[in-house]
Amino acid sequence: MTTETRYRIVIRCPKCGEKYILRGRQKAEGEYETGFKRCICGNEDDLVIEATAE
């Protein structure tokens, strides 16, 4: 049984100031999979993402 490391992902939108705290896993490409698509203001590209292992 293998356990993948889960990460606490904090996504901040510099346009509207909204902050999201999610949990996810790291993909092979180095990106994090959380299911997050876009901010409530419609911002999809200009996001600040911080990840820490749980």
PDB file of N, CA and C in Angstrom:
ATOM      1  N   MET A   1       0.844  -1.180   0.000  1.00  0.00           N
ATOM      2  CA  MET A   1       0.000   0.000   0.000  1.00  0.00           C
ATOM      3  C   MET A   1       0.892   1.247   0.000  1.00  0.00           C
ATOM      4  N   THR A   2       0.715   2.107  -0.987  1.00  0.00           N
ATOM      5  CA  THR A   2       1.491   3.336  -1.052  1.00  0.00           C
ATOM      6  C   THR A   2       0.606   4.513  -0.675  1.00  0.00           C
ATOM      7  N   THR A   3       1.182   5.452   0.019  1.00  0.00           N
ATOM      8  CA  THR A   3       0.436   6.646   0.391  1.00  0.00           C
ATOM      9  C   THR A   3       1.091   7.849  -0.269  1.00  0.00           C
ATOM     10  N   GLU A   4       0.303   8.586  -1.000  1.00  0.00           N
ATOM     11  CA  GLU A   4       0.810   9.803  -1.617  1.00  0.00           C
ATOM     12  C   GLU A   4       0.741  10.918  -0.593  1.00  0.00           C
ATOM     13  N   THR A   5       1.692  11.803  -0.646  1.00  0.00           N
ATOM     14  CA  THR A   5       1.712  12.928   0.282  1.00  0.00           C
ATOM     15  C   THR A   5       0.622  13.909  -0.094  1.00  0.00           C
ATOM     16  N   ARG A   6      -0.179  14.268   0.889  1.00  0.00           N
ATOM     17  CA  ARG A   6      -1.196  15.301   0.677  1.00  0.00           C
ATOM     18  C   ARG A   6      -0.595  16.646   1.039  1.00  0.00           C
ATOM     19  N   TYR A   7      -1.062  17.669   0.346  1.00  0.00           N
ATOM     20  CA  TYR A   7      -0.552  19.014   0.566  1.00  0.00           C
ATOM     21  C   TYR A   7      -1.687  19.948   0.942  1.00  0.00           C
ATOM     22  N   ARG A   8      -1.363  20.915   1.777  1.00  0.00           N
ATOM     23  CA  ARG A   8      -2.285  22.008   2.094  1.00  0.00           C
ATOM     24  C   ARG A   8      -1.943  23.113   1.111  1.00  0.00           C
ATOM     25  N   ILE A   9      -2.885  23.447   0.249  1.00  0.00           N
ATOM     26  CA  ILE A   9      -2.662  24.417  -0.811  1.00  0.00           C
ATOM     27  C   ILE A   9      -3.396  25.704  -0.456  1.00  0.00           C
ATOM     28  N   VAL A  10      -2.672  26.813  -0.457  1.00  0.00           N
ATOM     29  CA  VAL A  10      -3.274  28.119  -0.235  1.00  0.00           C
ATOM     30  C   VAL A  10      -3.185  28.877  -1.551  1.00  0.00           C
ATOM     31  N   ILE A  11      -4.347  29.257  -2.080  1.00  0.00           N
ATOM     32  CA  ILE A  11      -4.412  29.987  -3.341  1.00  0.00           C
ATOM     33  C   ILE A  11      -4.919  31.386  -3.035  1.00  0.00           C
ATOM     34  N   ARG A  12      -4.154  32.394  -3.455  1.00  0.00           N
ATOM     35  CA  ARG A  12      -4.543  33.789  -3.241  1.00  0.00           C
ATOM     36  C   ARG A  12      -4.716  34.471  -4.589  1.00  0.00           C
ATOM     37  N   CYS A  13      -5.742  35.298  -4.692  1.00  0.00           N
ATOM     38  CA  CYS A  13      -5.993  36.068  -5.902  1.00  0.00           C
ATOM     39  C   CYS A  13      -5.562  37.512  -5.644  1.00  0.00           C
ATOM     40  N   PRO A  14      -4.536  37.994  -6.355  1.00  0.00           N
ATOM     41  CA  PRO A  14      -4.091  39.369  -6.139  1.00  0.00           C
ATOM     42  C   PRO A  14      -5.063  40.408  -6.699  1.00  0.00           C
ATOM     43  N   LYS A  15      -5.969  40.006  -7.575  1.00  0.00           N
ATOM     44  CA  LYS A  15      -6.908  40.961  -8.173  1.00  0.00           C
ATOM     45  C   LYS A  15      -8.004  41.363  -7.192  1.00  0.00           C
ATOM     46  N   CYS A  16      -8.584  40.379  -6.483  1.00  0.00           N
ATOM     47  CA  CYS A  16      -9.697  40.702  -5.581  1.00  0.00           C
ATOM     48  C   CYS A  16      -9.369  40.452  -4.114  1.00  0.00           C
ATOM     49  N   GLY A  17      -8.246  39.769  -3.828  1.00  0.00           N
ATOM     50  CA  GLY A  17      -7.844  39.521  -2.453  1.00  0.00           C
ATOM     51  C   GLY A  17      -8.442  38.271  -1.831  1.00  0.00           C
ATOM     52  N   GLU A  18      -9.181  37.493  -2.588  1.00  0.00           N
ATOM     53  CA  GLU A  18      -9.796  36.264  -2.069  1.00  0.00           C
ATOM     54  C   GLU A  18      -8.717  35.225  -1.773  1.00  0.00           C
ATOM     55  N   LYS A  19      -8.944  34.394  -0.747  1.00  0.00           N
ATOM     56  CA  LYS A  19      -7.997  33.353  -0.344  1.00  0.00           C
ATOM     57  C   LYS A  19      -8.745  32.036  -0.224  1.00  0.00           C
ATOM     58  N   TYR A  20      -8.175  30.981  -0.782  1.00  0.00           N
ATOM     59  CA  TYR A  20      -8.762  29.641  -0.740  1.00  0.00           C
ATOM     60  C   TYR A  20      -7.759  28.701  -0.084  1.00  0.00           C
ATOM     61  N   ILE A  21      -8.236  27.854   0.817  1.00  0.00           N
ATOM     62  CA  ILE A  21      -7.397  26.835   1.448  1.00  0.00           C
ATOM     63  C   ILE A  21      -7.967  25.479   1.048  1.00  0.00           C
ATOM     64  N   LEU A  22      -7.157  24.698   0.343  1.00  0.00           N
ATOM     65  CA  LEU A  22      -7.605  23.418  -0.196  1.00  0.00           C
ATOM     66  C   LEU A  22      -6.588  22.338   0.147  1.00  0.00           C
ATOM     67  N   ARG A  23      -6.955  21.097  -0.091  1.00  0.00           N
ATOM     68  CA  ARG A  23      -6.043  19.979   0.054  1.00  0.00           C
ATOM     69  C   ARG A  23      -5.927  19.294  -1.294  1.00  0.00           C
ATOM     70  N   GLY A  24      -4.716  18.830  -1.593  1.00  0.00           N
ATOM     71  CA  GLY A  24      -4.522  18.185  -2.879  1.00  0.00           C
ATOM     72  C   GLY A  24      -3.271  17.338  -2.905  1.00  0.00           C
ATOM     73  N   ARG A  25      -3.015  16.783  -4.054  1.00  0.00           N
ATOM     74  CA  ARG A  25      -1.847  15.931  -4.271  1.00  0.00           C
ATOM     75  C   ARG A  25      -1.038  16.495  -5.429  1.00  0.00           C
ATOM     76  N   GLN A  26       0.258  16.203  -5.408  1.00  0.00           N
ATOM     77  CA  GLN A  26       1.136  16.694  -6.459  1.00  0.00           C
ATOM     78  C   GLN A  26       1.139  15.714  -7.620  1.00  0.00           C
ATOM     79  N   LYS A  27       1.003  16.244  -8.836  1.00  0.00           N
ATOM     80  CA  LYS A  27       1.051  15.426 -10.042  1.00  0.00           C
ATOM     81  C   LYS A  27       2.511  15.190 -10.430  1.00  0.00           C
ATOM     82  N   ALA A  28       2.718  14.304 -11.375  1.00  0.00           N
ATOM     83  CA  ALA A  28       4.061  13.989 -11.847  1.00  0.00           C
ATOM     84  C   ALA A  28       4.735  15.200 -12.495  1.00  0.00           C
ATOM     85  N   GLU A  29       3.935  16.098 -13.089  1.00  0.00           N
ATOM     86  CA  GLU A  29       4.485  17.285 -13.753  1.00  0.00           C
ATOM     87  C   GLU A  29       4.890  18.370 -12.761  1.00  0.00           C
ATOM     88  N   GLY A  30       4.588  18.181 -11.469  1.00  0.00           N
ATOM     89  CA  GLY A  30       4.938  19.166 -10.464  1.00  0.00           C
ATOM     90  C   GLY A  30       3.791  20.083 -10.071  1.00  0.00           C
ATOM     91  N   GLU A  31       2.674  20.013 -10.794  1.00  0.00           N
ATOM     92  CA  GLU A  31       1.502  20.812 -10.463  1.00  0.00           C
ATOM     93  C   GLU A  31       0.714  20.120  -9.352  1.00  0.00           C
ATOM     94  N   TYR A  32      -0.186  20.878  -8.732  1.00  0.00           N
ATOM     95  CA  TYR A  32      -1.009  20.332  -7.652  1.00  0.00           C
ATOM     96  C   TYR A  32      -2.442  20.165  -8.125  1.00  0.00           C
ATOM     97  N   GLU A  33      -3.032  19.025  -7.819  1.00  0.00           N
ATOM     98  CA  GLU A  33      -4.414  18.745  -8.195  1.00  0.00           C
ATOM     99  C   GLU A  33      -5.326  18.972  -6.999  1.00  0.00           C
ATOM    100  N   THR A  34      -6.171  19.995  -7.102  1.00  0.00           N
ATOM    101  CA  THR A  34      -7.110  20.307  -6.027  1.00  0.00           C
ATOM    102  C   THR A  34      -8.542  20.384  -6.528  1.00  0.00           C
ATOM    103  N   GLY A  35      -8.706  20.503  -7.837  1.00  0.00           N
ATOM    104  CA  GLY A  35     -10.036  20.701  -8.394  1.00  0.00           C
ATOM    105  C   GLY A  35     -10.386  22.176  -8.553  1.00  0.00           C
ATOM    106  N   PHE A  36      -9.480  23.067  -8.135  1.00  0.00           N
ATOM    107  CA  PHE A  36      -9.711  24.510  -8.238  1.00  0.00           C
ATOM    108  C   PHE A  36      -9.611  24.926  -9.699  1.00  0.00           C
ATOM    109  N   LYS A  37     -10.590  25.706 -10.173  1.00  0.00           N
ATOM    110  CA  LYS A  37     -10.597  26.148 -11.566  1.00  0.00           C
ATOM    111  C   LYS A  37     -10.324  27.634 -11.703  1.00  0.00           C
ATOM    112  N   ARG A  38     -11.066  28.481 -10.951  1.00  0.00           N
ATOM    113  CA  ARG A  38     -10.875  29.926 -11.040  1.00  0.00           C
ATOM    114  C   ARG A  38     -11.464  30.613  -9.825  1.00  0.00           C
ATOM    115  N   CYS A  39     -11.016  31.841  -9.610  1.00  0.00           N
ATOM    116  CA  CYS A  39     -11.484  32.660  -8.499  1.00  0.00           C
ATOM    117  C   CYS A  39     -12.905  33.157  -8.785  1.00  0.00           C
ATOM    118  N   ILE A  40     -13.591  33.614  -7.759  1.00  0.00           N
ATOM    119  CA  ILE A  40     -14.949  34.122  -7.945  1.00  0.00           C
ATOM    120  C   ILE A  40     -14.985  35.383  -8.803  1.00  0.00           C
ATOM    121  N   CYS A  41     -13.851  36.085  -8.910  1.00  0.00           N
ATOM    122  CA  CYS A  41     -13.798  37.282  -9.757  1.00  0.00           C
ATOM    123  C   CYS A  41     -13.528  36.924 -11.220  1.00  0.00           C
ATOM    124  N   GLY A  42     -13.305  35.639 -11.514  1.00  0.00           N
ATOM    125  CA  GLY A  42     -13.068  35.195 -12.882  1.00  0.00           C
ATOM    126  C   GLY A  42     -11.600  35.008 -13.229  1.00  0.00           C
ATOM    127  N   ASN A  43     -10.714  35.313 -12.312  1.00  0.00           N
ATOM    128  CA  ASN A  43      -9.281  35.186 -12.543  1.00  0.00           C
ATOM    129  C   ASN A  43      -8.891  33.706 -12.597  1.00  0.00           C
ATOM    130  N   GLU A  44      -8.237  33.294 -13.692  1.00  0.00           N
ATOM    131  CA  GLU A  44      -7.787  31.907 -13.835  1.00  0.00           C
ATOM    132  C   GLU A  44      -6.272  31.775 -13.891  1.00  0.00           C
ATOM    133  N   ASP A  45      -5.570  32.854 -14.241  1.00  0.00           N
ATOM    134  CA  ASP A  45      -4.149  32.746 -14.531  1.00  0.00           C
ATOM    135  C   ASP A  45      -3.236  33.392 -13.503  1.00  0.00           C
ATOM    136  N   ASP A  46      -3.595  34.545 -12.991  1.00  0.00           N
ATOM    137  CA  ASP A  46      -2.729  35.315 -12.100  1.00  0.00           C
ATOM    138  C   ASP A  46      -3.048  34.971 -10.645  1.00  0.00           C
ATOM    139  N   LEU A  47      -2.611  33.778 -10.203  1.00  0.00           N
ATOM    140  CA  LEU A  47      -2.891  33.311  -8.845  1.00  0.00           C
ATOM    141  C   LEU A  47      -1.574  33.008  -8.127  1.00  0.00           C
ATOM    142  N   VAL A  48      -1.539  33.269  -6.831  1.00  0.00           N
ATOM    143  CA  VAL A  48      -0.376  32.949  -6.015  1.00  0.00           C
ATOM    144  C   VAL A  48      -0.684  31.647  -5.281  1.00  0.00           C
ATOM    145  N   ILE A  49       0.137  30.617  -5.521  1.00  0.00           N
ATOM    146  CA  ILE A  49      -0.122  29.297  -4.958  1.00  0.00           C
ATOM    147  C   ILE A  49       1.021  28.896  -4.043  1.00  0.00           C
ATOM    148  N   GLU A  50       0.676  28.523  -2.801  1.00  0.00           N
ATOM    149  CA  GLU A  50       1.651  28.054  -1.813  1.00  0.00           C
ATOM    150  C   GLU A  50       1.233  26.664  -1.364  1.00  0.00           C
ATOM    151  N   ALA A  51       2.197  25.756  -1.248  1.00  0.00           N
ATOM    152  CA  ALA A  51       1.893  24.390  -0.834  1.00  0.00           C
ATOM    153  C   ALA A  51       2.800  23.966   0.310  1.00  0.00           C
ATOM    154  N   THR A  52       2.210  23.304   1.312  1.00  0.00           N
ATOM    155  CA  THR A  52       2.977  22.719   2.402  1.00  0.00           C
ATOM    156  C   THR A  52       2.475  21.297   2.622  1.00  0.00           C
ATOM    157  N   ALA A  53       3.390  20.394   2.896  1.00  0.00           N
ATOM    158  CA  ALA A  53       3.018  18.999   3.120  1.00  0.00           C
ATOM    159  C   ALA A  53       2.276  18.860   4.438  1.00  0.00           C
ATOM    160  N   GLU A  54       1.310  17.953   4.456  1.00  0.00           N
ATOM    161  CA  GLU A  54       0.549  17.696   5.689  1.00  0.00           C
ATOM    162  C   GLU A  54       1.192  16.593   6.480  1.00  0.00           C
TER     163      GLU A  54
END
